[in-house]
Amino acid sequence: IFFSVDIAVKEGQAETQWRLYRRYNNFSKLERELASRSPGLSFSSAPFPGKTFGRCTRLEERRSALELWLRSVLQHPCSQKVWAGSLQQFFQEAHQVRTPFM
């Protein structure tokens, strides 16, 4: 199962948009990397969702929780500093496997 992430980057007057696809394990790897760079830091209002096996009814809950968590990560000051490399890799790797809609 892949989760899609819609990206919009605005630079000056220009805005670039694309959609990328990541598996839960990719998000989990990112979460572990960020936690290792900032031990003890957590997002109480947007905790990282656990993995549930065989519960397709909870997929939308997980998608929503991943979105909330990722938004919190991107809004945190560390996203521009100590986490920047991990975030860049997460988005670049996903960017390479994206498929355009036609």
N, C-alpha and C. Protein backbone atom coordinates (compact mmCIF):
# COMPACT_ATOMS: atom_id res chain seq x y z
N ILE A 1 0.85 -1.17 0.00
CA ILE A 1 0.00 0.00 0.00
C ILE A 1 0.90 1.23 0.00
N PHE A 2 0.60 2.13 -0.91
CA PHE A 2 1.33 3.38 -1.00
C PHE A 2 0.43 4.53 -0.55
N PHE A 3 1.03 5.50 0.09
CA PHE A 3 0.34 6.72 0.47
C PHE A 3 0.84 7.82 -0.44
N SER A 4 -0.07 8.61 -0.99
CA SER A 4 0.36 9.71 -1.86
C SER A 4 0.52 10.97 -1.02
N VAL A 5 1.51 11.76 -1.42
CA VAL A 5 1.77 13.04 -0.76
C VAL A 5 1.81 14.09 -1.84
N ASP A 6 0.93 15.07 -1.75
CA ASP A 6 0.92 16.17 -2.71
C ASP A 6 1.84 17.26 -2.21
N ILE A 7 2.76 17.68 -3.07
CA ILE A 7 3.77 18.68 -2.72
C ILE A 7 3.53 19.93 -3.54
N ALA A 8 3.61 21.08 -2.89
CA ALA A 8 3.54 22.37 -3.57
C ALA A 8 4.65 23.24 -3.00
N VAL A 9 5.56 23.66 -3.87
CA VAL A 9 6.68 24.49 -3.47
C VAL A 9 6.55 25.82 -4.18
N LYS A 10 6.52 26.89 -3.40
CA LYS A 10 6.39 28.22 -3.98
C LYS A 10 7.71 28.96 -3.83
N GLU A 11 8.26 29.40 -4.95
CA GLU A 11 9.49 30.18 -4.98
C GLU A 11 9.19 31.46 -5.74
N GLY A 12 9.10 32.57 -5.01
CA GLY A 12 8.72 33.83 -5.64
C GLY A 12 7.29 33.74 -6.13
N GLN A 13 7.09 34.01 -7.41
CA GLN A 13 5.76 33.94 -8.01
C GLN A 13 5.44 32.55 -8.57
N ALA A 14 6.48 31.71 -8.74
CA ALA A 14 6.29 30.39 -9.35
C ALA A 14 5.96 29.34 -8.29
N GLU A 15 5.07 28.44 -8.64
CA GLU A 15 4.73 27.33 -7.77
C GLU A 15 4.86 26.03 -8.55
N THR A 16 5.56 25.07 -7.97
CA THR A 16 5.72 23.76 -8.58
C THR A 16 4.94 22.76 -7.74
N GLN A 17 4.19 21.89 -8.41
CA GLN A 17 3.39 20.89 -7.71
C GLN A 17 3.68 19.51 -8.27
N TRP A 18 3.69 18.52 -7.39
CA TRP A 18 3.79 17.15 -7.84
C TRP A 18 3.24 16.23 -6.76
N ARG A 19 3.03 15.00 -7.12
CA ARG A 19 2.52 13.98 -6.20
C ARG A 19 3.57 12.89 -6.12
N LEU A 20 3.86 12.45 -4.90
CA LEU A 20 4.80 11.36 -4.73
C LEU A 20 4.14 10.26 -3.93
N TYR A 21 4.72 9.09 -4.00
CA TYR A 21 4.15 7.90 -3.35
C TYR A 21 5.19 7.29 -2.42
N ARG A 22 4.76 7.02 -1.20
CA ARG A 22 5.64 6.42 -0.20
C ARG A 22 4.88 5.34 0.55
N ARG A 23 5.59 4.32 0.93
CA ARG A 23 5.02 3.26 1.76
C ARG A 23 5.13 3.66 3.23
N TYR A 24 4.36 2.99 4.07
CA TYR A 24 4.41 3.27 5.51
C TYR A 24 5.84 3.11 6.02
N ASN A 25 6.56 2.09 5.54
CA ASN A 25 7.92 1.84 5.99
C ASN A 25 8.85 3.01 5.68
N ASN A 26 8.61 3.73 4.59
CA ASN A 26 9.41 4.91 4.27
C ASN A 26 9.19 6.02 5.30
N PHE A 27 7.94 6.21 5.69
CA PHE A 27 7.63 7.19 6.74
C PHE A 27 8.26 6.76 8.06
N SER A 28 8.17 5.46 8.36
CA SER A 28 8.72 4.95 9.60
C SER A 28 10.24 5.13 9.65
N LYS A 29 10.91 4.89 8.53
CA LYS A 29 12.36 5.10 8.47
C LYS A 29 12.70 6.57 8.72
N LEU A 30 11.93 7.47 8.11
CA LEU A 30 12.15 8.90 8.32
C LEU A 30 11.95 9.26 9.79
N GLU A 31 10.92 8.73 10.39
CA GLU A 31 10.64 9.02 11.81
C GLU A 31 11.81 8.58 12.69
N ARG A 32 12.36 7.39 12.43
CA ARG A 32 13.49 6.89 13.21
C ARG A 32 14.73 7.78 13.01
N GLU A 33 14.97 8.21 11.77
CA GLU A 33 16.12 9.08 11.49
C GLU A 33 15.99 10.41 12.23
N LEU A 34 14.81 11.00 12.19
CA LEU A 34 14.60 12.29 12.86
C LEU A 34 14.73 12.13 14.37
N ALA A 35 14.20 11.03 14.89
CA ALA A 35 14.28 10.78 16.34
C ALA A 35 15.73 10.59 16.78
N SER A 36 16.55 9.97 15.93
CA SER A 36 17.95 9.76 16.31
C SER A 36 18.72 11.08 16.31
N ARG A 37 18.26 12.05 15.52
CA ARG A 37 18.92 13.35 15.47
C ARG A 37 18.40 14.30 16.55
N SER A 38 17.24 14.00 17.09
CA SER A 38 16.64 14.85 18.14
C SER A 38 16.01 13.96 19.21
N PRO A 39 16.81 13.25 19.99
CA PRO A 39 16.28 12.34 21.01
C PRO A 39 15.33 13.06 21.98
N GLY A 40 14.24 12.39 22.28
CA GLY A 40 13.29 12.93 23.25
C GLY A 40 12.24 13.85 22.65
N LEU A 41 12.44 14.28 21.42
CA LEU A 41 11.47 15.18 20.79
C LEU A 41 10.30 14.37 20.25
N SER A 42 9.11 14.82 20.55
CA SER A 42 7.91 14.15 20.03
C SER A 42 6.85 15.21 19.73
N PHE A 43 5.89 14.80 18.96
CA PHE A 43 4.79 15.69 18.59
C PHE A 43 3.53 15.17 19.28
N SER A 44 3.25 15.69 20.46
CA SER A 44 2.10 15.19 21.22
C SER A 44 0.78 15.40 20.50
N SER A 45 0.69 16.46 19.71
CA SER A 45 -0.56 16.72 18.98
C SER A 45 -0.60 15.96 17.66
N ALA A 46 0.52 15.35 17.26
CA ALA A 46 0.58 14.60 16.01
C ALA A 46 1.56 13.43 16.15
N PRO A 47 1.23 12.45 17.01
CA PRO A 47 2.15 11.33 17.19
C PRO A 47 2.26 10.48 15.93
N PHE A 48 3.41 9.84 15.77
CA PHE A 48 3.59 8.97 14.62
C PHE A 48 2.69 7.75 14.79
N PRO A 49 1.89 7.41 13.76
CA PRO A 49 0.95 6.29 13.89
C PRO A 49 1.66 4.95 13.87
N GLY A 50 1.18 4.04 14.67
CA GLY A 50 1.72 2.69 14.70
C GLY A 50 1.28 1.89 13.49
N LYS A 51 1.96 0.79 13.28
CA LYS A 51 1.62 -0.07 12.16
C LYS A 51 0.61 -1.12 12.63
N THR A 52 -0.46 -1.25 11.90
CA THR A 52 -1.47 -2.26 12.22
C THR A 52 -1.53 -3.25 11.07
N PHE A 53 -1.63 -4.51 11.39
CA PHE A 53 -1.66 -5.54 10.36
C PHE A 53 -3.08 -5.99 10.08
N GLY A 54 -3.42 -6.05 8.80
CA GLY A 54 -4.70 -6.60 8.37
C GLY A 54 -5.92 -5.78 8.72
N ARG A 55 -5.76 -4.51 8.98
CA ARG A 55 -6.91 -3.68 9.33
C ARG A 55 -7.12 -2.61 8.27
N CYS A 56 -7.66 -2.99 7.17
CA CYS A 56 -7.86 -2.04 6.06
C CYS A 56 -8.83 -0.93 6.44
N THR A 57 -9.69 -1.17 7.40
CA THR A 57 -10.64 -0.13 7.80
C THR A 57 -9.94 1.04 8.48
N ARG A 58 -8.72 0.82 8.97
CA ARG A 58 -7.99 1.88 9.66
C ARG A 58 -7.02 2.60 8.74
N LEU A 59 -7.04 2.26 7.46
CA LEU A 59 -6.11 2.86 6.52
C LEU A 59 -6.26 4.37 6.42
N GLU A 60 -7.49 4.84 6.38
CA GLU A 60 -7.73 6.29 6.30
C GLU A 60 -7.25 6.98 7.58
N GLU A 61 -7.42 6.33 8.72
CA GLU A 61 -6.91 6.89 9.97
C GLU A 61 -5.40 7.01 9.92
N ARG A 62 -4.72 5.99 9.41
CA ARG A 62 -3.27 6.04 9.32
C ARG A 62 -2.82 7.11 8.34
N ARG A 63 -3.50 7.21 7.20
CA ARG A 63 -3.15 8.24 6.21
C ARG A 63 -3.28 9.62 6.81
N SER A 64 -4.37 9.85 7.51
CA SER A 64 -4.61 11.14 8.15
C SER A 64 -3.56 11.43 9.22
N ALA A 65 -3.20 10.42 10.00
CA ALA A 65 -2.20 10.60 11.06
C ALA A 65 -0.82 10.85 10.46
N LEU A 66 -0.48 10.17 9.36
CA LEU A 66 0.81 10.41 8.70
C LEU A 66 0.87 11.83 8.14
N GLU A 67 -0.23 12.29 7.58
CA GLU A 67 -0.28 13.66 7.06
C GLU A 67 -0.07 14.67 8.18
N LEU A 68 -0.77 14.49 9.28
CA LEU A 68 -0.64 15.41 10.42
C LEU A 68 0.78 15.39 10.97
N TRP A 69 1.36 14.19 11.09
CA TRP A 69 2.73 14.06 11.58
C TRP A 69 3.72 14.76 10.65
N LEU A 70 3.59 14.52 9.33
CA LEU A 70 4.51 15.12 8.37
C LEU A 70 4.39 16.64 8.35
N ARG A 71 3.19 17.16 8.44
CA ARG A 71 3.00 18.61 8.51
C ARG A 71 3.69 19.18 9.76
N SER A 72 3.56 18.49 10.88
CA SER A 72 4.21 18.94 12.11
C SER A 72 5.72 18.94 11.97
N VAL A 73 6.25 17.90 11.34
CA VAL A 73 7.70 17.81 11.12
C VAL A 73 8.17 18.99 10.27
N LEU A 74 7.46 19.26 9.18
CA LEU A 74 7.87 20.32 8.26
C LEU A 74 7.76 21.71 8.87
N GLN A 75 6.88 21.88 9.84
CA GLN A 75 6.71 23.18 10.49
C GLN A 75 7.69 23.38 11.65
N HIS A 76 8.37 22.33 12.06
CA HIS A 76 9.31 22.41 13.18
C HIS A 76 10.60 23.08 12.72
N PRO A 77 11.22 23.92 13.56
CA PRO A 77 12.48 24.58 13.18
C PRO A 77 13.59 23.62 12.78
N CYS A 78 13.62 22.42 13.33
CA CYS A 78 14.65 21.44 12.96
C CYS A 78 14.56 21.01 11.50
N SER A 79 13.39 21.20 10.87
CA SER A 79 13.24 20.79 9.47
C SER A 79 14.16 21.59 8.55
N GLN A 80 14.54 22.79 8.98
CA GLN A 80 15.43 23.63 8.18
C GLN A 80 16.90 23.46 8.58
N LYS A 81 17.12 22.67 9.61
CA LYS A 81 18.49 22.53 10.13
C LYS A 81 18.89 21.07 10.18
N VAL A 82 18.81 20.49 11.36
CA VAL A 82 19.36 19.15 11.60
C VAL A 82 18.60 18.05 10.82
N TRP A 83 17.34 18.26 10.50
CA TRP A 83 16.57 17.25 9.76
C TRP A 83 16.59 17.47 8.26
N ALA A 84 17.14 18.56 7.80
CA ALA A 84 17.04 18.94 6.38
C ALA A 84 17.52 17.84 5.44
N GLY A 85 18.64 17.21 5.74
CA GLY A 85 19.18 16.17 4.87
C GLY A 85 18.26 14.96 4.78
N SER A 86 17.73 14.52 5.91
CA SER A 86 16.81 13.37 5.92
C SER A 86 15.52 13.68 5.17
N LEU A 87 15.01 14.88 5.37
CA LEU A 87 13.78 15.28 4.66
C LEU A 87 14.02 15.38 3.16
N GLN A 88 15.15 15.95 2.80
CA GLN A 88 15.46 16.08 1.38
C GLN A 88 15.55 14.70 0.73
N GLN A 89 16.20 13.78 1.39
CA GLN A 89 16.32 12.43 0.85
C GLN A 89 14.95 11.77 0.74
N PHE A 90 14.11 11.93 1.75
CA PHE A 90 12.76 11.36 1.74
C PHE A 90 11.97 11.86 0.53
N PHE A 91 12.03 13.16 0.29
CA PHE A 91 11.27 13.73 -0.82
C PHE A 91 11.92 13.46 -2.17
N GLN A 92 13.23 13.43 -2.24
CA GLN A 92 13.90 13.16 -3.51
C GLN A 92 13.70 11.72 -3.94
N GLU A 93 13.89 10.78 -3.02
CA GLU A 93 13.69 9.38 -3.37
C GLU A 93 12.27 9.16 -3.86
N ALA A 94 11.32 9.73 -3.19
CA ALA A 94 9.93 9.57 -3.58
C ALA A 94 9.69 10.27 -4.91
N HIS A 95 10.32 11.42 -5.10
CA HIS A 95 10.16 12.16 -6.34
C HIS A 95 10.61 11.33 -7.54
N GLN A 96 11.62 10.50 -7.35
CA GLN A 96 12.14 9.69 -8.44
C GLN A 96 11.18 8.58 -8.83
N VAL A 97 10.35 8.10 -7.91
CA VAL A 97 9.44 7.00 -8.23
C VAL A 97 8.02 7.47 -8.51
N ARG A 98 7.82 8.74 -8.62
CA ARG A 98 6.47 9.25 -8.87
C ARG A 98 6.01 8.88 -10.27
N THR A 99 4.73 8.81 -10.44
CA THR A 99 4.18 8.56 -11.76
C THR A 99 3.23 9.68 -12.10
N PRO A 100 3.43 10.30 -13.26
CA PRO A 100 2.54 11.40 -13.66
C PRO A 100 1.16 10.86 -14.03
N PHE A 101 0.16 11.64 -13.75
CA PHE A 101 -1.21 11.30 -14.12
C PHE A 101 -1.49 11.85 -15.50
N MET A 102 -2.06 11.06 -16.36
CA MET A 102 -2.43 11.54 -17.69
C MET A 102 -3.82 11.12 -18.05
